[in-house]
Amino acid sequence: MIAAQLRFEGVSAGYGRATVLRDIDLEIPPASVVALLGSNGAGKTTLLRVASGLMRTGAGRVLVGDRDVTRDAPSARRRHGVCLIPEGRGIFRSLTVRENLLLQIPPWEKDTSLDTALDMFPALRTRLHDTAGRLSGGQQQMVALSRAFFGSPSLVMLDEVSMGLAPIVVDEIFAALRTLAARGTALLIVEQYVNRALAVADKVYMIGHGRITFQGSAADLDQTEVMRHYLSHDLTTDHRPA
């Protein structure tokens, strides 16, 4: 049996005395796309932070493949193939685009060419010597997402990568995600555009009040029912024509 790319076993976590995640069981199969859906404050970002090592578990285990990484630091999990693209882009605005990209290349792969990302986001080629803070929001997100194309990660986790972006840029971002998936990279997607997430996902987990409330195939879900029964009104859908 092939080990899951990421697995949570009875994971609980929180901030101080406040418990956010409660007894979470979750599995991301290799080379799969999984959407994690839930209302604001449900625990989605906390789950990604625990998976990446930015937060410690209060209980339970986190496994990457066959390896127990529960106590591993973020750098160690990165070496084991885990890559997080955080909400808010997470770039160095005062550094140039080139400097940002170089910082994203893992230390063990310093000979990697920037072309790995620039071929995916050609708009960045002419901006390499510009400071990242001068880029448009969409171009800044491309810089952030470039991390997923360095170091050959086996799992990329994405936290609201389309937030605040124009629809045409969202199209480019999701095209990049489809490319990653086609290469066999597992994806765990937290996304405000529910129908976008469902369109690329193989499997869906829904989380509410820190607990998994649903898991199943994305193909078997009706988006209207998802919105009505599982998601709060503050999540949005993309109403543009297909």
C-alpha atoms as a PDB file:
ATOM      1  CA  MET A   1       0.000   0.000   0.000  1.00  0.00           C
ATOM      2  CA  ILE A   2       1.366   3.432  -0.975  1.00  0.00           C
ATOM      3  CA  ALA A   3       1.705   5.817   1.978  1.00  0.00           C
ATOM      4  CA  ALA A   4      -0.277   9.035   1.907  1.00  0.00           C
ATOM      5  CA  GLN A   5       1.705  12.102   0.934  1.00  0.00           C
ATOM      6  CA  LEU A   6       0.386  13.798   4.089  1.00  0.00           C
ATOM      7  CA  ARG A   7      -1.596  12.298   6.931  1.00  0.00           C
ATOM      8  CA  PHE A   8      -3.047  13.737  10.128  1.00  0.00           C
ATOM      9  CA  GLU A   9      -3.858  11.236  12.856  1.00  0.00           C
ATOM     10  CA  GLY A  10      -6.007  12.634  15.644  1.00  0.00           C
ATOM     11  CA  VAL A  11      -4.388  16.069  15.444  1.00  0.00           C
ATOM     12  CA  SER A  12      -5.417  18.831  17.822  1.00  0.00           C
ATOM     13  CA  ALA A  13      -3.752  22.245  17.936  1.00  0.00           C
ATOM     14  CA  GLY A  14      -4.410  25.829  18.921  1.00  0.00           C
ATOM     15  CA  TYR A  15      -3.096  29.097  20.290  1.00  0.00           C
ATOM     16  CA  GLY A  16      -2.438  29.213  23.999  1.00  0.00           C
ATOM     17  CA  ARG A  17      -5.500  27.887  25.792  1.00  0.00           C
ATOM     18  CA  ALA A  18      -7.683  28.180  22.688  1.00  0.00           C
ATOM     19  CA  THR A  19      -8.080  24.897  20.796  1.00  0.00           C
ATOM     20  CA  VAL A  20      -8.615  25.451  17.056  1.00  0.00           C
ATOM     21  CA  LEU A  21      -8.213  21.951  15.573  1.00  0.00           C
ATOM     22  CA  ARG A  22      -9.951  19.069  17.291  1.00  0.00           C
ATOM     23  CA  ASP A  23      -9.027  15.426  16.594  1.00  0.00           C
ATOM     24  CA  ILE A  24      -8.367  15.907  12.867  1.00  0.00           C
ATOM     25  CA  ASP A  25      -7.931  12.846  10.651  1.00  0.00           C
ATOM     26  CA  LEU A  26      -6.960  13.775   7.096  1.00  0.00           C
ATOM     27  CA  GLU A  27      -5.140  12.109   4.221  1.00  0.00           C
ATOM     28  CA  ILE A  28      -3.648  13.535   1.024  1.00  0.00           C
ATOM     29  CA  PRO A  29      -2.843  10.693  -1.410  1.00  0.00           C
ATOM     30  CA  PRO A  30       0.253  11.056  -3.617  1.00  0.00           C
ATOM     31  CA  ALA A  31      -0.312  12.992  -6.863  1.00  0.00           C
ATOM     32  CA  SER A  32      -3.830  14.041  -5.791  1.00  0.00           C
ATOM     33  CA  VAL A  33      -5.574  17.406  -5.500  1.00  0.00           C
ATOM     34  CA  VAL A  34      -7.514  17.953  -2.289  1.00  0.00           C
ATOM     35  CA  ALA A  35      -9.668  20.989  -1.497  1.00  0.00           C
ATOM     36  CA  LEU A  36     -10.107  22.080   2.113  1.00  0.00           C
ATOM     37  CA  LEU A  37     -13.296  24.117   2.469  1.00  0.00           C
ATOM     38  CA  GLY A  38     -14.882  25.919   5.368  1.00  0.00           C
ATOM     39  CA  SER A  39     -16.026  29.297   6.603  1.00  0.00           C
ATOM     40  CA  ASN A  40     -13.766  31.998   7.982  1.00  0.00           C
ATOM     41  CA  GLY A  41     -12.375  30.934  11.339  1.00  0.00           C
ATOM     42  CA  ALA A  42     -13.088  27.240  10.752  1.00  0.00           C
ATOM     43  CA  GLY A  43      -9.427  26.258  11.168  1.00  0.00           C
ATOM     44  CA  LYS A  44      -8.192  25.997   7.563  1.00  0.00           C
ATOM     45  CA  THR A  45      -5.094  28.188   7.899  1.00  0.00           C
ATOM     46  CA  THR A  46      -4.240  26.625  11.263  1.00  0.00           C
ATOM     47  CA  LEU A  47      -4.346  23.179   9.638  1.00  0.00           C
ATOM     48  CA  LEU A  48      -1.901  24.307   6.934  1.00  0.00           C
ATOM     49  CA  ARG A  49       0.394  25.853   9.535  1.00  0.00           C
ATOM     50  CA  VAL A  50       0.449  22.601  11.498  1.00  0.00           C
ATOM     51  CA  ALA A  51       1.143  20.605   8.330  1.00  0.00           C
ATOM     52  CA  SER A  52       4.070  22.867   7.407  1.00  0.00           C
ATOM     53  CA  GLY A  53       5.558  22.837  10.914  1.00  0.00           C
ATOM     54  CA  LEU A  54       4.855  26.492  11.706  1.00  0.00           C
ATOM     55  CA  MET A  55       2.615  25.345  14.574  1.00  0.00           C
ATOM     56  CA  ARG A  56       3.083  22.451  16.962  1.00  0.00           C
ATOM     57  CA  THR A  57       0.391  19.880  17.569  1.00  0.00           C
ATOM     58  CA  GLY A  58      -1.223  19.617  20.978  1.00  0.00           C
ATOM     59  CA  ALA A  59      -2.076  15.976  20.285  1.00  0.00           C
ATOM     60  CA  GLY A  60      -1.857  13.474  17.438  1.00  0.00           C
ATOM     61  CA  ARG A  61       0.674  12.826  14.679  1.00  0.00           C
ATOM     62  CA  VAL A  62       1.605  14.378  11.324  1.00  0.00           C
ATOM     63  CA  LEU A  63       3.156  12.062   8.746  1.00  0.00           C
ATOM     64  CA  VAL A  64       4.728  12.811   5.371  1.00  0.00           C
ATOM     65  CA  GLY A  65       4.928   9.565   3.461  1.00  0.00           C
ATOM     66  CA  ASP A  66       6.086   6.989   6.010  1.00  0.00           C
ATOM     67  CA  ARG A  67       7.931   9.576   8.105  1.00  0.00           C
ATOM     68  CA  ASP A  68       6.584  10.969  11.383  1.00  0.00           C
ATOM     69  CA  VAL A  69       7.324  14.714  11.121  1.00  0.00           C
ATOM     70  CA  THR A  70       5.244  15.803  14.113  1.00  0.00           C
ATOM     71  CA  ARG A  71       8.255  17.368  15.820  1.00  0.00           C
ATOM     72  CA  ASP A  72      10.136  18.414  12.686  1.00  0.00           C
ATOM     73  CA  ALA A  73      10.834  22.086  11.978  1.00  0.00           C
ATOM     74  CA  PRO A  74       9.503  23.744   8.797  1.00  0.00           C
ATOM     75  CA  SER A  75      12.934  23.487   7.138  1.00  0.00           C
ATOM     76  CA  ALA A  76      13.018  19.730   7.718  1.00  0.00           C
ATOM     77  CA  ARG A  77       9.517  19.299   6.309  1.00  0.00           C
ATOM     78  CA  ARG A  78      10.532  21.339   3.259  1.00  0.00           C
ATOM     79  CA  ARG A  79      13.390  18.897   2.701  1.00  0.00           C
ATOM     80  CA  HIS A  80      10.852  16.063   2.883  1.00  0.00           C
ATOM     81  CA  GLY A  81       8.850  17.692   0.079  1.00  0.00           C
ATOM     82  CA  VAL A  82       6.319  19.916   1.885  1.00  0.00           C
ATOM     83  CA  CYS A  83       5.855  23.423   0.460  1.00  0.00           C
ATOM     84  CA  LEU A  84       3.460  26.082   1.839  1.00  0.00           C
ATOM     85  CA  ILE A  85       2.292  29.093  -0.181  1.00  0.00           C
ATOM     86  CA  PRO A  86       0.806  31.246   2.599  1.00  0.00           C
ATOM     87  CA  GLU A  87      -2.048  33.698   2.477  1.00  0.00           C
ATOM     88  CA  GLY A  88      -0.826  37.245   1.932  1.00  0.00           C
ATOM     89  CA  ARG A  89       1.853  36.237  -0.612  1.00  0.00           C
ATOM     90  CA  GLY A  90       4.794  36.074   1.810  1.00  0.00           C
ATOM     91  CA  ILE A  91       7.380  37.836  -0.366  1.00  0.00           C
ATOM     92  CA  PHE A  92      10.080  40.364   0.522  1.00  0.00           C
ATOM     93  CA  ARG A  93       8.715  43.584  -0.944  1.00  0.00           C
ATOM     94  CA  SER A  94      11.995  45.520  -0.594  1.00  0.00           C
ATOM     95  CA  LEU A  95      14.012  42.907  -2.498  1.00  0.00           C
ATOM     96  CA  THR A  96      14.064  42.504  -6.253  1.00  0.00           C
ATOM     97  CA  VAL A  97      12.074  39.809  -7.998  1.00  0.00           C
ATOM     98  CA  ARG A  98      15.319  37.985  -8.789  1.00  0.00           C
ATOM     99  CA  GLU A  99      16.411  38.103  -5.149  1.00  0.00           C
ATOM    100  CA  ASN A 100      13.032  36.784  -4.023  1.00  0.00           C
ATOM    101  CA  LEU A 101      13.237  33.887  -6.459  1.00  0.00           C
ATOM    102  CA  LEU A 102      16.789  33.009  -5.433  1.00  0.00           C
ATOM    103  CA  LEU A 103      15.724  32.897  -1.782  1.00  0.00           C
ATOM    104  CA  GLN A 104      13.010  30.390  -2.665  1.00  0.00           C
ATOM    105  CA  ILE A 105      15.464  27.839  -4.052  1.00  0.00           C
ATOM    106  CA  PRO A 106      16.232  25.257  -1.317  1.00  0.00           C
ATOM    107  CA  PRO A 107      19.863  25.205  -0.092  1.00  0.00           C
ATOM    108  CA  TRP A 108      20.331  21.656  -1.376  1.00  0.00           C
ATOM    109  CA  GLU A 109      19.394  22.711  -4.930  1.00  0.00           C
ATOM    110  CA  LYS A 110      21.269  25.996  -5.344  1.00  0.00           C
ATOM    111  CA  ASP A 111      22.198  25.185  -8.943  1.00  0.00           C
ATOM    112  CA  THR A 112      18.536  25.290  -9.963  1.00  0.00           C
ATOM    113  CA  SER A 113      17.819  27.736 -12.794  1.00  0.00           C
ATOM    114  CA  LEU A 114      15.298  30.523 -12.344  1.00  0.00           C
ATOM    115  CA  ASP A 115      13.857  29.387 -15.678  1.00  0.00           C
ATOM    116  CA  THR A 116      11.986  26.698 -13.744  1.00  0.00           C
ATOM    117  CA  ALA A 117       9.611  29.415 -12.518  1.00  0.00           C
ATOM    118  CA  LEU A 118      10.028  31.995 -15.277  1.00  0.00           C
ATOM    119  CA  ASP A 119       8.834  29.547 -17.920  1.00  0.00           C
ATOM    120  CA  MET A 120       5.612  29.227 -15.930  1.00  0.00           C
ATOM    121  CA  PHE A 121       5.295  32.978 -15.241  1.00  0.00           C
ATOM    122  CA  PRO A 122       6.898  34.747 -18.241  1.00  0.00           C
ATOM    123  CA  ALA A 123       5.561  38.143 -17.063  1.00  0.00           C
ATOM    124  CA  LEU A 124       8.267  38.073 -14.385  1.00  0.00           C
ATOM    125  CA  ARG A 125      11.149  37.880 -16.876  1.00  0.00           C
ATOM    126  CA  THR A 126      11.069  41.605 -17.595  1.00  0.00           C
ATOM    127  CA  ARG A 127      10.658  42.484 -13.916  1.00  0.00           C
ATOM    128  CA  LEU A 128      13.592  40.581 -12.419  1.00  0.00           C
ATOM    129  CA  HIS A 129      15.434  43.733 -11.345  1.00  0.00           C
ATOM    130  CA  ASP A 130      12.357  45.551 -10.039  1.00  0.00           C
ATOM    131  CA  THR A 131      11.622  45.533  -6.337  1.00  0.00           C
ATOM    132  CA  ALA A 132       8.810  43.108  -5.600  1.00  0.00           C
ATOM    133  CA  GLY A 133       6.774  45.807  -3.885  1.00  0.00           C
ATOM    134  CA  ARG A 134       6.386  47.632  -7.201  1.00  0.00           C
ATOM    135  CA  LEU A 135       4.693  44.674  -8.880  1.00  0.00           C
ATOM    136  CA  SER A 136       0.960  44.296  -9.303  1.00  0.00           C
ATOM    137  CA  GLY A 137      -0.829  42.051  -6.833  1.00  0.00           C
ATOM    138  CA  GLY A 138      -1.043  39.324  -9.451  1.00  0.00           C
ATOM    139  CA  GLN A 139       2.664  39.467 -10.240  1.00  0.00           C
ATOM    140  CA  GLN A 140       3.490  39.378  -6.523  1.00  0.00           C
ATOM    141  CA  GLN A 141       1.410  36.234  -6.227  1.00  0.00           C
ATOM    142  CA  MET A 142       3.322  34.735  -9.148  1.00  0.00           C
ATOM    143  CA  VAL A 143       6.567  35.409  -7.271  1.00  0.00           C
ATOM    144  CA  ALA A 144       5.124  33.694  -4.196  1.00  0.00           C
ATOM    145  CA  LEU A 145       3.816  30.732  -6.188  1.00  0.00           C
ATOM    146  CA  SER A 146       7.204  30.274  -7.857  1.00  0.00           C
ATOM    147  CA  ARG A 147       8.319  28.529  -4.664  1.00  0.00           C
ATOM    148  CA  ALA A 148       6.243  25.536  -5.734  1.00  0.00           C
ATOM    149  CA  PHE A 149       8.427  25.118  -8.844  1.00  0.00           C
ATOM    150  CA  PHE A 150      11.745  24.988  -6.973  1.00  0.00           C
ATOM    151  CA  GLY A 151      13.042  21.992  -5.046  1.00  0.00           C
ATOM    152  CA  SER A 152      10.619  19.475  -6.609  1.00  0.00           C
ATOM    153  CA  PRO A 153       8.129  19.435  -3.714  1.00  0.00           C
ATOM    154  CA  SER A 154       5.879  16.404  -3.479  1.00  0.00           C
ATOM    155  CA  LEU A 155       3.131  18.353  -1.669  1.00  0.00           C
ATOM    156  CA  VAL A 156       2.203  22.009  -2.218  1.00  0.00           C
ATOM    157  CA  MET A 157      -0.287  23.630   0.161  1.00  0.00           C
ATOM    158  CA  LEU A 158      -1.935  26.850  -0.964  1.00  0.00           C
ATOM    159  CA  ASP A 159      -3.787  29.267   1.288  1.00  0.00           C
ATOM    160  CA  GLU A 160      -6.168  31.572  -0.602  1.00  0.00           C
ATOM    161  CA  VAL A 161      -3.805  32.211  -3.532  1.00  0.00           C
ATOM    162  CA  SER A 162      -6.516  33.950  -5.586  1.00  0.00           C
ATOM    163  CA  MET A 163      -7.525  36.445  -2.894  1.00  0.00           C
ATOM    164  CA  GLY A 164      -7.765  40.010  -4.198  1.00  0.00           C
ATOM    165  CA  LEU A 165      -6.700  39.140  -7.740  1.00  0.00           C
ATOM    166  CA  ALA A 166      -8.341  40.053 -11.039  1.00  0.00           C
ATOM    167  CA  PRO A 167     -10.186  37.173 -12.768  1.00  0.00           C
ATOM    168  CA  ILE A 168      -7.657  36.974 -15.620  1.00  0.00           C
ATOM    169  CA  VAL A 169      -4.833  36.562 -13.090  1.00  0.00           C
ATOM    170  CA  VAL A 170      -6.811  33.887 -11.234  1.00  0.00           C
ATOM    171  CA  ASP A 171      -6.975  32.020 -14.558  1.00  0.00           C
ATOM    172  CA  GLU A 172      -3.162  32.127 -14.800  1.00  0.00           C
ATOM    173  CA  ILE A 173      -2.722  30.987 -11.207  1.00  0.00           C
ATOM    174  CA  PHE A 174      -5.021  27.994 -11.666  1.00  0.00           C
ATOM    175  CA  ALA A 175      -3.293  27.108 -14.937  1.00  0.00           C
ATOM    176  CA  ALA A 176      -0.058  26.896 -12.932  1.00  0.00           C
ATOM    177  CA  LEU A 177      -1.760  24.686 -10.358  1.00  0.00           C
ATOM    178  CA  ARG A 178      -2.987  22.344 -13.081  1.00  0.00           C
ATOM    179  CA  THR A 179       0.583  22.128 -14.383  1.00  0.00           C
ATOM    180  CA  LEU A 180       1.823  21.178 -10.926  1.00  0.00           C
ATOM    181  CA  ALA A 181      -0.877  18.511 -10.617  1.00  0.00           C
ATOM    182  CA  ALA A 182      -0.050  17.134 -14.066  1.00  0.00           C
ATOM    183  CA  ARG A 183       3.565  16.695 -12.923  1.00  0.00           C
ATOM    184  CA  GLY A 184       2.389  14.476 -10.089  1.00  0.00           C
ATOM    185  CA  THR A 185       2.643  17.027  -7.281  1.00  0.00           C
ATOM    186  CA  ALA A 186      -0.001  16.587  -4.582  1.00  0.00           C
ATOM    187  CA  LEU A 187      -1.947  19.786  -3.811  1.00  0.00           C
ATOM    188  CA  LEU A 188      -3.890  20.843  -0.730  1.00  0.00           C
ATOM    189  CA  ILE A 189      -5.919  23.910  -1.673  1.00  0.00           C
ATOM    190  CA  VAL A 190      -7.705  26.391   0.582  1.00  0.00           C
ATOM    191  CA  GLU A 191      -9.612  28.630  -1.809  1.00  0.00           C
ATOM    192  CA  GLN A 192     -12.300  31.326  -1.604  1.00  0.00           C
ATOM    193  CA  TYR A 193     -13.703  30.463  -5.046  1.00  0.00           C
ATOM    194  CA  VAL A 194     -15.378  27.190  -4.140  1.00  0.00           C
ATOM    195  CA  ASN A 195     -16.271  26.210  -7.690  1.00  0.00           C
ATOM    196  CA  ARG A 196     -12.667  26.779  -8.784  1.00  0.00           C
ATOM    197  CA  ALA A 197     -11.413  24.471  -6.053  1.00  0.00           C
ATOM    198  CA  LEU A 198     -13.973  21.776  -6.835  1.00  0.00           C
ATOM    199  CA  ALA A 199     -13.122  21.921 -10.551  1.00  0.00           C
ATOM    200  CA  VAL A 200      -9.517  20.845  -9.940  1.00  0.00           C
ATOM    201  CA  ALA A 201      -9.940  18.680  -6.825  1.00  0.00           C
ATOM    202  CA  ASP A 202     -10.144  14.904  -6.623  1.00  0.00           C
ATOM    203  CA  LYS A 203     -11.238  14.941  -2.996  1.00  0.00           C
ATOM    204  CA  VAL A 204     -12.819  17.443  -0.610  1.00  0.00           C
ATOM    205  CA  TYR A 205     -12.581  17.914   3.128  1.00  0.00           C
ATOM    206  CA  MET A 206     -14.893  20.339   4.890  1.00  0.00           C
ATOM    207  CA  ILE A 207     -14.004  21.761   8.242  1.00  0.00           C
ATOM    208  CA  GLY A 208     -16.207  23.540  10.761  1.00  0.00           C
ATOM    209  CA  HIS A 209     -15.397  24.657  14.294  1.00  0.00           C
ATOM    210  CA  GLY A 210     -12.074  22.851  14.069  1.00  0.00           C
ATOM    211  CA  ARG A 211     -13.513  19.440  13.123  1.00  0.00           C
ATOM    212  CA  ILE A 212     -13.772  17.622   9.810  1.00  0.00           C
ATOM    213  CA  THR A 213     -17.472  17.658   8.949  1.00  0.00           C
ATOM    214  CA  PHE A 214     -17.300  15.986   5.523  1.00  0.00           C
ATOM    215  CA  GLN A 215     -14.902  14.123   3.282  1.00  0.00           C
ATOM    216  CA  GLY A 216     -15.579  12.676  -0.126  1.00  0.00           C
ATOM    217  CA  SER A 217     -15.093  12.858  -3.868  1.00  0.00           C
ATOM    218  CA  ALA A 218     -15.303  16.302  -5.448  1.00  0.00           C
ATOM    219  CA  ALA A 219     -17.053  14.801  -8.469  1.00  0.00           C
ATOM    220  CA  ASP A 220     -19.974  13.678  -6.309  1.00  0.00           C
ATOM    221  CA  LEU A 221     -20.626  17.102  -4.786  1.00  0.00           C
ATOM    222  CA  ASP A 222     -23.227  19.579  -5.922  1.00  0.00           C
ATOM    223  CA  GLN A 223     -21.802  23.083  -5.488  1.00  0.00           C
ATOM    224  CA  THR A 224     -25.146  24.595  -4.481  1.00  0.00           C
ATOM    225  CA  GLU A 225     -25.554  22.021  -1.738  1.00  0.00           C
ATOM    226  CA  VAL A 226     -21.986  22.630  -0.607  1.00  0.00           C
ATOM    227  CA  MET A 227     -22.634  26.340  -0.287  1.00  0.00           C
ATOM    228  CA  ARG A 228     -25.997  25.916   1.402  1.00  0.00           C
ATOM    229  CA  HIS A 229     -25.147  23.219   3.915  1.00  0.00           C
ATOM    230  CA  TYR A 230     -21.456  23.529   4.682  1.00  0.00           C
ATOM    231  CA  LEU A 231     -20.152  27.020   3.966  1.00  0.00           C
ATOM    232  CA  SER A 232     -21.018  30.330   5.527  1.00  0.00           C
ATOM    233  CA  HIS A 233     -22.112  33.385   3.565  1.00  0.00           C
ATOM    234  CA  ASP A 234     -18.666  34.991   3.668  1.00  0.00           C
ATOM    235  CA  LEU A 235     -17.203  32.516   1.162  1.00  0.00           C
ATOM    236  CA  THR A 236     -17.621  33.681  -2.442  1.00  0.00           C
ATOM    237  CA  THR A 237     -18.171  31.949  -5.756  1.00  0.00           C
ATOM    238  CA  ASP A 238     -16.883  32.898  -9.174  1.00  0.00           C
ATOM    239  CA  HIS A 239     -19.924  33.858 -11.251  1.00  0.00           C
ATOM    240  CA  ARG A 240     -18.167  34.430 -14.569  1.00  0.00           C
ATOM    241  CA  PRO A 241     -19.330  32.329 -17.508  1.00  0.00           C
ATOM    242  CA  ALA A 242     -17.420  29.086 -17.984  1.00  0.00           C
END
